[in-house]
Amino acid sequence: FIPIREYDQKIADLKIAETAVNKLREDIANGYEHILMARCEDKYRADEVFEIYSQYTDLNPVKIYSNLKRQSNIKQNII
C-alpha cells in the first residue's frame, strides 16, 4: 500500500498512475512477474483511467470491460 493524498480527482488519478507504474517497473526490474490493474466502477470511468495509462506504451496497457466478448482470450494474453 502506497498512500496518495490528493483531493482533485484528475491530479489524484495522475499521481496514482505514476506511483503504480513506478512500483510495477521496480518490481519487474527485481524479477517479479507482476501486472497492474485499475478497477473502475463503470465504462466511462474505465475510459478515463485507461487514457492515463495508455501513455505507458512500454507496459502494453489494455482495457477489459466485464461484459466484453472474448474476455478470457484477452486475459490470457496479458499474463
N, C-alpha and C. Protein backbone atom coordinates (compact mmCIF):
# COMPACT_ATOMS: atom_id res chain seq x y z
N PHE A 1 0.84 -1.18 0.00
CA PHE A 1 0.00 0.00 0.00
C PHE A 1 0.88 1.24 0.00
N ILE A 2 0.65 2.11 -0.96
CA ILE A 2 1.36 3.38 -1.05
C ILE A 2 0.31 4.48 -1.04
N PRO A 3 0.22 5.23 0.05
CA PRO A 3 -0.84 6.25 0.13
C PRO A 3 -0.58 7.44 -0.79
N ILE A 4 -1.65 7.95 -1.36
CA ILE A 4 -1.61 9.17 -2.19
C ILE A 4 -2.66 10.11 -1.60
N ARG A 5 -2.24 11.30 -1.24
CA ARG A 5 -3.19 12.28 -0.70
C ARG A 5 -3.33 13.42 -1.70
N GLU A 6 -4.45 13.42 -2.38
CA GLU A 6 -4.76 14.46 -3.36
C GLU A 6 -6.27 14.51 -3.49
N TYR A 7 -6.83 15.70 -3.44
CA TYR A 7 -8.28 15.83 -3.42
C TYR A 7 -8.89 16.19 -4.77
N ASP A 8 -8.07 16.61 -5.70
CA ASP A 8 -8.52 16.86 -7.07
C ASP A 8 -8.43 15.53 -7.81
N GLN A 9 -9.56 15.02 -8.30
CA GLN A 9 -9.59 13.67 -8.88
C GLN A 9 -8.65 13.51 -10.06
N LYS A 10 -8.59 14.49 -10.94
CA LYS A 10 -7.73 14.37 -12.11
C LYS A 10 -6.25 14.31 -11.72
N ILE A 11 -5.87 15.15 -10.78
CA ILE A 11 -4.48 15.12 -10.30
C ILE A 11 -4.21 13.83 -9.54
N ALA A 12 -5.17 13.41 -8.73
CA ALA A 12 -5.02 12.16 -7.98
C ALA A 12 -4.84 10.98 -8.94
N ASP A 13 -5.63 10.94 -10.00
CA ASP A 13 -5.51 9.86 -10.99
C ASP A 13 -4.10 9.81 -11.57
N LEU A 14 -3.57 10.96 -11.91
CA LEU A 14 -2.22 11.02 -12.48
C LEU A 14 -1.17 10.56 -11.48
N LYS A 15 -1.31 11.01 -10.23
CA LYS A 15 -0.34 10.62 -9.19
C LYS A 15 -0.42 9.13 -8.88
N ILE A 16 -1.63 8.61 -8.82
CA ILE A 16 -1.80 7.18 -8.56
C ILE A 16 -1.17 6.37 -9.69
N ALA A 17 -1.45 6.75 -10.92
CA ALA A 17 -0.88 6.03 -12.07
C ALA A 17 0.63 6.09 -12.05
N GLU A 18 1.19 7.26 -11.83
CA GLU A 18 2.64 7.40 -11.82
C GLU A 18 3.27 6.54 -10.72
N THR A 19 2.69 6.58 -9.54
CA THR A 19 3.19 5.80 -8.42
C THR A 19 3.08 4.30 -8.70
N ALA A 20 1.94 3.89 -9.21
CA ALA A 20 1.72 2.47 -9.51
C ALA A 20 2.67 1.97 -10.59
N VAL A 21 2.85 2.75 -11.63
CA VAL A 21 3.74 2.36 -12.72
C VAL A 21 5.19 2.30 -12.23
N ASN A 22 5.59 3.26 -11.43
CA ASN A 22 6.96 3.23 -10.89
C ASN A 22 7.18 1.98 -10.04
N LYS A 23 6.21 1.62 -9.23
CA LYS A 23 6.32 0.42 -8.40
C LYS A 23 6.34 -0.83 -9.27
N LEU A 24 5.50 -0.87 -10.29
CA LEU A 24 5.49 -2.01 -11.21
C LEU A 24 6.85 -2.16 -11.89
N ARG A 25 7.39 -1.08 -12.38
CA ARG A 25 8.70 -1.13 -13.04
C ARG A 25 9.79 -1.59 -12.08
N GLU A 26 9.72 -1.12 -10.86
CA GLU A 26 10.68 -1.54 -9.84
C GLU A 26 10.57 -3.05 -9.60
N ASP A 27 9.36 -3.53 -9.46
CA ASP A 27 9.14 -4.96 -9.23
C ASP A 27 9.62 -5.79 -10.42
N ILE A 28 9.34 -5.35 -11.63
CA ILE A 28 9.79 -6.07 -12.82
C ILE A 28 11.31 -6.11 -12.86
N ALA A 29 11.95 -5.00 -12.53
CA ALA A 29 13.41 -4.95 -12.51
C ALA A 29 13.99 -5.89 -11.45
N ASN A 30 13.23 -6.15 -10.41
CA ASN A 30 13.67 -7.07 -9.36
C ASN A 30 13.26 -8.52 -9.63
N GLY A 31 12.77 -8.78 -10.84
CA GLY A 31 12.49 -10.15 -11.24
C GLY A 31 11.08 -10.64 -10.97
N TYR A 32 10.20 -9.78 -10.51
CA TYR A 32 8.82 -10.20 -10.25
C TYR A 32 7.99 -10.05 -11.52
N GLU A 33 7.18 -11.04 -11.82
CA GLU A 33 6.32 -11.00 -13.00
C GLU A 33 4.94 -10.51 -12.58
N HIS A 34 4.82 -9.22 -12.38
CA HIS A 34 3.57 -8.62 -11.93
C HIS A 34 2.84 -7.97 -13.09
N ILE A 35 1.56 -7.72 -12.86
CA ILE A 35 0.78 -6.88 -13.76
C ILE A 35 0.12 -5.81 -12.89
N LEU A 36 -0.35 -4.78 -13.51
CA LEU A 36 -1.03 -3.68 -12.82
C LEU A 36 -2.46 -3.65 -13.31
N MET A 37 -3.40 -3.56 -12.39
CA MET A 37 -4.80 -3.50 -12.77
C MET A 37 -5.47 -2.33 -12.06
N ALA A 38 -6.21 -1.55 -12.81
CA ALA A 38 -7.01 -0.46 -12.25
C ALA A 38 -8.47 -0.83 -12.44
N ARG A 39 -9.16 -1.05 -11.35
CA ARG A 39 -10.57 -1.44 -11.41
C ARG A 39 -11.43 -0.20 -11.28
N CYS A 40 -12.44 -0.09 -12.15
CA CYS A 40 -13.28 1.11 -12.19
C CYS A 40 -14.75 0.74 -12.03
N GLU A 41 -15.54 1.72 -11.62
CA GLU A 41 -16.96 1.46 -11.34
C GLU A 41 -17.82 1.33 -12.58
N ASP A 42 -17.40 1.92 -13.70
CA ASP A 42 -18.19 1.82 -14.93
C ASP A 42 -17.30 2.06 -16.14
N LYS A 43 -17.88 1.89 -17.33
CA LYS A 43 -17.11 2.02 -18.57
C LYS A 43 -16.59 3.43 -18.78
N TYR A 44 -17.40 4.41 -18.41
CA TYR A 44 -16.97 5.80 -18.58
C TYR A 44 -15.69 6.06 -17.78
N ARG A 45 -15.70 5.62 -16.53
CA ARG A 45 -14.53 5.80 -15.66
C ARG A 45 -13.34 4.98 -16.17
N ALA A 46 -13.63 3.79 -16.67
CA ALA A 46 -12.56 2.95 -17.22
C ALA A 46 -11.89 3.65 -18.41
N ASP A 47 -12.68 4.30 -19.23
CA ASP A 47 -12.13 5.04 -20.36
C ASP A 47 -11.23 6.18 -19.89
N GLU A 48 -11.66 6.89 -18.86
CA GLU A 48 -10.85 7.99 -18.30
C GLU A 48 -9.52 7.47 -17.77
N VAL A 49 -9.59 6.42 -16.99
CA VAL A 49 -8.38 5.87 -16.37
C VAL A 49 -7.46 5.26 -17.43
N PHE A 50 -8.05 4.57 -18.39
CA PHE A 50 -7.23 3.97 -19.45
C PHE A 50 -6.48 5.04 -20.23
N GLU A 51 -7.09 6.18 -20.43
CA GLU A 51 -6.43 7.27 -21.14
C GLU A 51 -5.12 7.65 -20.44
N ILE A 52 -5.11 7.63 -19.14
CA ILE A 52 -3.89 7.95 -18.38
C ILE A 52 -2.83 6.87 -18.58
N TYR A 53 -3.24 5.61 -18.41
CA TYR A 53 -2.28 4.51 -18.51
C TYR A 53 -1.82 4.25 -19.94
N SER A 54 -2.57 4.70 -20.92
CA SER A 54 -2.19 4.44 -22.30
C SER A 54 -0.89 5.12 -22.70
N GLN A 55 -0.45 6.10 -21.95
CA GLN A 55 0.82 6.75 -22.26
C GLN A 55 2.02 5.86 -21.95
N TYR A 56 1.81 4.82 -21.15
CA TYR A 56 2.89 3.90 -20.77
C TYR A 56 2.91 2.74 -21.76
N THR A 57 3.22 3.06 -23.01
CA THR A 57 3.13 2.08 -24.09
C THR A 57 4.07 0.89 -23.89
N ASP A 58 5.18 1.10 -23.20
CA ASP A 58 6.12 0.00 -22.96
C ASP A 58 5.51 -1.09 -22.08
N LEU A 59 4.46 -0.76 -21.33
CA LEU A 59 3.80 -1.73 -20.47
C LEU A 59 2.59 -2.38 -21.14
N ASN A 60 2.32 -1.98 -22.38
CA ASN A 60 1.23 -2.55 -23.17
C ASN A 60 -0.11 -2.55 -22.45
N PRO A 61 -0.61 -1.38 -22.06
CA PRO A 61 -1.89 -1.34 -21.35
C PRO A 61 -3.06 -1.80 -22.23
N VAL A 62 -3.99 -2.49 -21.61
CA VAL A 62 -5.21 -2.93 -22.28
C VAL A 62 -6.40 -2.60 -21.38
N LYS A 63 -7.56 -2.55 -22.01
CA LYS A 63 -8.79 -2.26 -21.27
C LYS A 63 -9.73 -3.44 -21.47
N ILE A 64 -10.29 -3.92 -20.37
CA ILE A 64 -11.24 -5.03 -20.43
C ILE A 64 -12.50 -4.62 -19.69
N TYR A 65 -13.64 -4.71 -20.37
CA TYR A 65 -14.92 -4.49 -19.72
C TYR A 65 -15.46 -5.85 -19.26
N SER A 66 -16.24 -5.86 -18.20
CA SER A 66 -16.74 -7.12 -17.66
C SER A 66 -17.64 -7.88 -18.64
N ASN A 67 -18.29 -7.19 -19.54
CA ASN A 67 -19.18 -7.88 -20.50
C ASN A 67 -18.57 -7.97 -21.90
N LEU A 68 -17.27 -7.81 -22.00
CA LEU A 68 -16.58 -7.83 -23.28
C LEU A 68 -16.51 -9.25 -23.83
N LYS A 69 -16.81 -9.41 -25.11
CA LYS A 69 -16.68 -10.71 -25.75
C LYS A 69 -15.19 -11.06 -25.88
N ARG A 70 -14.89 -12.34 -25.80
CA ARG A 70 -13.51 -12.84 -25.89
C ARG A 70 -12.65 -12.35 -24.73
N GLN A 71 -13.29 -12.02 -23.63
CA GLN A 71 -12.61 -11.53 -22.44
C GLN A 71 -11.54 -12.51 -21.96
N SER A 72 -11.84 -13.79 -21.97
CA SER A 72 -10.87 -14.78 -21.48
C SER A 72 -9.62 -14.81 -22.36
N ASN A 73 -9.78 -14.63 -23.68
CA ASN A 73 -8.61 -14.58 -24.57
C ASN A 73 -7.73 -13.38 -24.25
N ILE A 74 -8.36 -12.26 -23.99
CA ILE A 74 -7.61 -11.05 -23.67
C ILE A 74 -6.85 -11.25 -22.37
N LYS A 75 -7.52 -11.80 -21.37
CA LYS A 75 -6.86 -12.05 -20.08
C LYS A 75 -5.67 -12.99 -20.23
N GLN A 76 -5.81 -14.03 -21.05
CA GLN A 76 -4.70 -14.97 -21.26
C GLN A 76 -3.50 -14.27 -21.90
N ASN A 77 -3.75 -13.33 -22.81
CA ASN A 77 -2.66 -12.63 -23.47
C ASN A 77 -1.95 -11.65 -22.55
N ILE A 78 -2.60 -11.22 -21.50
CA ILE A 78 -1.98 -10.30 -20.56
C ILE A 78 -0.91 -11.02 -19.76
N ILE A 79 -1.23 -12.21 -19.32
CA ILE A 79 -0.30 -12.99 -18.49
C ILE A 79 0.66 -13.69 -19.37
